[in-house]
Amino acid sequence: MQMEIVRLIDKPEAIAQVAAWYHEEWGHLGANRTQAELTHTLSQYLQLSGIP
């Protein structure tokens, strides 16, 4: 089995799933931060011109 690393900018349809994973694992660290806010933040990181 191989793992493929894919940039989120190449799979923007995965943003909601990544936000859900993030919220599930680390949501307790930012108790006032919603999953919708995480989805929005991840969307802002989509770029090719630098480090997200």
PDB file of N, CA and C in Angstrom:
ATOM      1  N   MET A   1       0.840  -1.172   0.000  1.00  0.00           N
ATOM      2  CA  MET A   1       0.000   0.000   0.000  1.00  0.00           C
ATOM      3  C   MET A   1       0.892   1.245   0.000  1.00  0.00           C
ATOM      4  N   GLN A   2       0.578   2.177  -0.853  1.00  0.00           N
ATOM      5  CA  GLN A   2       1.320   3.423  -0.929  1.00  0.00           C
ATOM      6  C   GLN A   2       0.447   4.573  -0.460  1.00  0.00           C
ATOM      7  N   MET A   3       1.106   5.563   0.123  1.00  0.00           N
ATOM      8  CA  MET A   3       0.396   6.771   0.517  1.00  0.00           C
ATOM      9  C   MET A   3       0.734   7.850  -0.495  1.00  0.00           C
ATOM     10  N   GLU A   4      -0.284   8.552  -0.921  1.00  0.00           N
ATOM     11  CA  GLU A   4      -0.088   9.653  -1.859  1.00  0.00           C
ATOM     12  C   GLU A   4      -0.326  10.959  -1.114  1.00  0.00           C
ATOM     13  N   ILE A   5       0.613  11.869  -1.212  1.00  0.00           N
ATOM     14  CA  ILE A   5       0.478  13.183  -0.600  1.00  0.00           C
ATOM     15  C   ILE A   5      -0.026  14.135  -1.678  1.00  0.00           C
ATOM     16  N   VAL A   6      -1.149  14.773  -1.390  1.00  0.00           N
ATOM     17  CA  VAL A   6      -1.800  15.653  -2.350  1.00  0.00           C
ATOM     18  C   VAL A   6      -1.975  17.017  -1.706  1.00  0.00           C
ATOM     19  N   ARG A   7      -1.656  18.055  -2.459  1.00  0.00           N
ATOM     20  CA  ARG A   7      -1.865  19.415  -1.943  1.00  0.00           C
ATOM     21  C   ARG A   7      -3.354  19.704  -1.890  1.00  0.00           C
ATOM     22  N   LEU A   8      -3.756  20.378  -0.841  1.00  0.00           N
ATOM     23  CA  LEU A   8      -5.168  20.705  -0.678  1.00  0.00           C
ATOM     24  C   LEU A   8      -5.670  21.590  -1.812  1.00  0.00           C
ATOM     25  N   ILE A   9      -4.802  22.420  -2.361  1.00  0.00           N
ATOM     26  CA  ILE A   9      -5.203  23.271  -3.485  1.00  0.00           C
ATOM     27  C   ILE A   9      -5.607  22.433  -4.703  1.00  0.00           C
ATOM     28  N   ASP A  10      -5.063  21.214  -4.799  1.00  0.00           N
ATOM     29  CA  ASP A  10      -5.405  20.329  -5.911  1.00  0.00           C
ATOM     30  C   ASP A  10      -6.680  19.524  -5.652  1.00  0.00           C
ATOM     31  N   LYS A  11      -7.172  19.542  -4.423  1.00  0.00           N
ATOM     32  CA  LYS A  11      -8.388  18.814  -4.051  1.00  0.00           C
ATOM     33  C   LYS A  11      -9.250  19.677  -3.131  1.00  0.00           C
ATOM     34  N   PRO A  12      -9.699  20.852  -3.599  1.00  0.00           N
ATOM     35  CA  PRO A  12     -10.463  21.738  -2.721  1.00  0.00           C
ATOM     36  C   PRO A  12     -11.756  21.114  -2.196  1.00  0.00           C
ATOM     37  N   GLU A  13     -12.239  20.084  -2.887  1.00  0.00           N
ATOM     38  CA  GLU A  13     -13.448  19.405  -2.408  1.00  0.00           C
ATOM     39  C   GLU A  13     -13.202  18.659  -1.096  1.00  0.00           C
ATOM     40  N   ALA A  14     -11.941  18.488  -0.716  1.00  0.00           N
ATOM     41  CA  ALA A  14     -11.591  17.793   0.529  1.00  0.00           C
ATOM     42  C   ALA A  14     -11.498  18.729   1.734  1.00  0.00           C
ATOM     43  N   ILE A  15     -11.648  20.026   1.514  1.00  0.00           N
ATOM     44  CA  ILE A  15     -11.495  20.995   2.605  1.00  0.00           C
ATOM     45  C   ILE A  15     -12.437  20.690   3.763  1.00  0.00           C
ATOM     46  N   ALA A  16     -13.687  20.419   3.490  1.00  0.00           N
ATOM     47  CA  ALA A  16     -14.659  20.149   4.564  1.00  0.00           C
ATOM     48  C   ALA A  16     -14.251  18.921   5.373  1.00  0.00           C
ATOM     49  N   GLN A  17     -13.749  17.887   4.705  1.00  0.00           N
ATOM     50  CA  GLN A  17     -13.328  16.675   5.417  1.00  0.00           C
ATOM     51  C   GLN A  17     -12.103  16.953   6.292  1.00  0.00           C
ATOM     52  N   VAL A  18     -11.143  17.685   5.759  1.00  0.00           N
ATOM     53  CA  VAL A  18      -9.941  18.029   6.537  1.00  0.00           C
ATOM     54  C   VAL A  18     -10.328  18.890   7.745  1.00  0.00           C
ATOM     55  N   ALA A  19     -11.233  19.829   7.548  1.00  0.00           N
ATOM     56  CA  ALA A  19     -11.701  20.670   8.657  1.00  0.00           C
ATOM     57  C   ALA A  19     -12.385  19.813   9.722  1.00  0.00           C
ATOM     58  N   ALA A  20     -13.159  18.830   9.291  1.00  0.00           N
ATOM     59  CA  ALA A  20     -13.831  17.933  10.245  1.00  0.00           C
ATOM     60  C   ALA A  20     -12.807  17.136  11.041  1.00  0.00           C
ATOM     61  N   TRP A  21     -11.775  16.599  10.369  1.00  0.00           N
ATOM     62  CA  TRP A  21     -10.719  15.865  11.079  1.00  0.00           C
ATOM     63  C   TRP A  21     -10.007  16.760  12.076  1.00  0.00           C
ATOM     64  N   TYR A  22      -9.674  17.964  11.643  1.00  0.00           N
ATOM     65  CA  TYR A  22      -8.984  18.922  12.503  1.00  0.00           C
ATOM     66  C   TYR A  22      -9.842  19.244  13.731  1.00  0.00           C
ATOM     67  N   HIS A  23     -11.110  19.530  13.490  1.00  0.00           N
ATOM     68  CA  HIS A  23     -12.016  19.889  14.578  1.00  0.00           C
ATOM     69  C   HIS A  23     -12.172  18.727  15.559  1.00  0.00           C
ATOM     70  N   GLU A  24     -12.259  17.515  15.024  1.00  0.00           N
ATOM     71  CA  GLU A  24     -12.413  16.330  15.864  1.00  0.00           C
ATOM     72  C   GLU A  24     -11.188  16.108  16.755  1.00  0.00           C
ATOM     73  N   GLU A  25     -10.007  16.300  16.202  1.00  0.00           N
ATOM     74  CA  GLU A  25      -8.766  16.055  16.945  1.00  0.00           C
ATOM     75  C   GLU A  25      -8.377  17.198  17.865  1.00  0.00           C
ATOM     76  N   TRP A  26      -8.461  18.426  17.358  1.00  0.00           N
ATOM     77  CA  TRP A  26      -7.924  19.565  18.099  1.00  0.00           C
ATOM     78  C   TRP A  26      -8.944  20.652  18.409  1.00  0.00           C
ATOM     79  N   GLY A  27     -10.208  20.382  18.160  1.00  0.00           N
ATOM     80  CA  GLY A  27     -11.244  21.370  18.395  1.00  0.00           C
ATOM     81  C   GLY A  27     -11.305  21.859  19.833  1.00  0.00           C
ATOM     82  N   HIS A  28     -10.921  20.998  20.765  1.00  0.00           N
ATOM     83  CA  HIS A  28     -10.948  21.387  22.181  1.00  0.00           C
ATOM     84  C   HIS A  28      -9.944  22.493  22.505  1.00  0.00           C
ATOM     85  N   LEU A  29      -8.952  22.684  21.650  1.00  0.00           N
ATOM     86  CA  LEU A  29      -7.947  23.730  21.893  1.00  0.00           C
ATOM     87  C   LEU A  29      -8.477  25.117  21.557  1.00  0.00           C
ATOM     88  N   GLY A  30      -9.454  25.187  20.707  1.00  0.00           N
ATOM     89  CA  GLY A  30     -10.084  26.452  20.351  1.00  0.00           C
ATOM     90  C   GLY A  30     -11.589  26.280  20.490  1.00  0.00           C
ATOM     91  N   ALA A  31     -12.052  26.186  21.708  1.00  0.00           N
ATOM     92  CA  ALA A  31     -13.438  25.822  21.991  1.00  0.00           C
ATOM     93  C   ALA A  31     -14.465  26.717  21.297  1.00  0.00           C
ATOM     94  N   ASN A  32     -14.117  27.960  21.013  1.00  0.00           N
ATOM     95  CA  ASN A  32     -15.068  28.866  20.379  1.00  0.00           C
ATOM     96  C   ASN A  32     -15.002  28.829  18.856  1.00  0.00           C
ATOM     97  N   ARG A  33     -14.118  28.026  18.303  1.00  0.00           N
ATOM     98  CA  ARG A  33     -13.926  27.962  16.857  1.00  0.00           C
ATOM     99  C   ARG A  33     -14.795  26.856  16.272  1.00  0.00           C
ATOM    100  N   THR A  34     -15.633  27.208  15.329  1.00  0.00           N
ATOM    101  CA  THR A  34     -16.535  26.225  14.732  1.00  0.00           C
ATOM    102  C   THR A  34     -15.866  25.511  13.554  1.00  0.00           C
ATOM    103  N   GLN A  35     -16.465  24.422  13.159  1.00  0.00           N
ATOM    104  CA  GLN A  35     -15.958  23.698  11.994  1.00  0.00           C
ATOM    105  C   GLN A  35     -16.095  24.550  10.740  1.00  0.00           C
ATOM    106  N   ALA A  36     -17.140  25.350  10.666  1.00  0.00           N
ATOM    107  CA  ALA A  36     -17.326  26.245   9.513  1.00  0.00           C
ATOM    108  C   ALA A  36     -16.191  27.266   9.442  1.00  0.00           C
ATOM    109  N   GLU A  37     -15.761  27.770  10.591  1.00  0.00           N
ATOM    110  CA  GLU A  37     -14.640  28.714  10.617  1.00  0.00           C
ATOM    111  C   GLU A  37     -13.351  28.038  10.170  1.00  0.00           C
ATOM    112  N   LEU A  38     -13.157  26.804  10.588  1.00  0.00           N
ATOM    113  CA  LEU A  38     -11.969  26.058  10.145  1.00  0.00           C
ATOM    114  C   LEU A  38     -11.998  25.837   8.632  1.00  0.00           C
ATOM    115  N   THR A  39     -13.161  25.523   8.103  1.00  0.00           N
ATOM    116  CA  THR A  39     -13.305  25.335   6.658  1.00  0.00           C
ATOM    117  C   THR A  39     -12.934  26.618   5.926  1.00  0.00           C
ATOM    118  N   HIS A  40     -13.413  27.736   6.427  1.00  0.00           N
ATOM    119  CA  HIS A  40     -13.087  29.030   5.817  1.00  0.00           C
ATOM    120  C   HIS A  40     -11.583  29.303   5.895  1.00  0.00           C
ATOM    121  N   THR A  41     -10.986  29.059   7.053  1.00  0.00           N
ATOM    122  CA  THR A  41      -9.547  29.294   7.224  1.00  0.00           C
ATOM    123  C   THR A  41      -8.738  28.430   6.269  1.00  0.00           C
ATOM    124  N   LEU A  42      -9.086  27.156   6.164  1.00  0.00           N
ATOM    125  CA  LEU A  42      -8.373  26.271   5.241  1.00  0.00           C
ATOM    126  C   LEU A  42      -8.511  26.752   3.801  1.00  0.00           C
ATOM    127  N   SER A  43      -9.670  27.269   3.449  1.00  0.00           N
ATOM    128  CA  SER A  43      -9.881  27.786   2.093  1.00  0.00           C
ATOM    129  C   SER A  43      -8.951  28.961   1.803  1.00  0.00           C
ATOM    130  N   GLN A  44      -8.662  29.751   2.826  1.00  0.00           N
ATOM    131  CA  GLN A  44      -7.777  30.901   2.664  1.00  0.00           C
ATOM    132  C   GLN A  44      -6.324  30.479   2.441  1.00  0.00           C
ATOM    133  N   TYR A  45      -5.980  29.248   2.840  1.00  0.00           N
ATOM    134  CA  TYR A  45      -4.611  28.762   2.704  1.00  0.00           C
ATOM    135  C   TYR A  45      -4.285  28.258   1.290  1.00  0.00           C
ATOM    136  N   LEU A  46      -5.274  28.145   0.435  1.00  0.00           N
ATOM    137  CA  LEU A  46      -5.039  27.598  -0.900  1.00  0.00           C
ATOM    138  C   LEU A  46      -4.267  28.588  -1.753  1.00  0.00           C
ATOM    139  N   GLN A  47      -2.999  28.297  -1.954  1.00  0.00           N
ATOM    140  CA  GLN A  47      -2.144  29.148  -2.760  1.00  0.00           C
ATOM    141  C   GLN A  47      -0.950  28.349  -3.253  1.00  0.00           C
ATOM    142  N   LEU A  48      -0.337  28.820  -4.286  1.00  0.00           N
ATOM    143  CA  LEU A  48       0.852  28.175  -4.827  1.00  0.00           C
ATOM    144  C   LEU A  48       2.104  29.010  -4.621  1.00  0.00           C
ATOM    145  N   SER A  49       1.933  30.257  -4.211  1.00  0.00           N
ATOM    146  CA  SER A  49       3.064  31.183  -4.190  1.00  0.00           C
ATOM    147  C   SER A  49       3.811  31.250  -2.859  1.00  0.00           C
ATOM    148  N   GLY A  50       3.544  30.349  -1.960  1.00  0.00           N
ATOM    149  CA  GLY A  50       4.255  30.385  -0.684  1.00  0.00           C
ATOM    150  C   GLY A  50       3.811  29.251   0.216  1.00  0.00           C
ATOM    151  N   ILE A  51       4.257  29.340   1.435  1.00  0.00           N
ATOM    152  CA  ILE A  51       3.891  28.328   2.421  1.00  0.00           C
ATOM    153  C   ILE A  51       2.487  28.658   2.933  1.00  0.00           C
ATOM    154  N   PRO A  52       1.602  27.684   2.922  1.00  0.00           N
ATOM    155  CA  PRO A  52       0.236  27.959   3.379  1.00  0.00           C
ATOM    156  C   PRO A  52       0.170  28.193   4.880  1.00  0.00           C
TER     157      PRO A  52
END
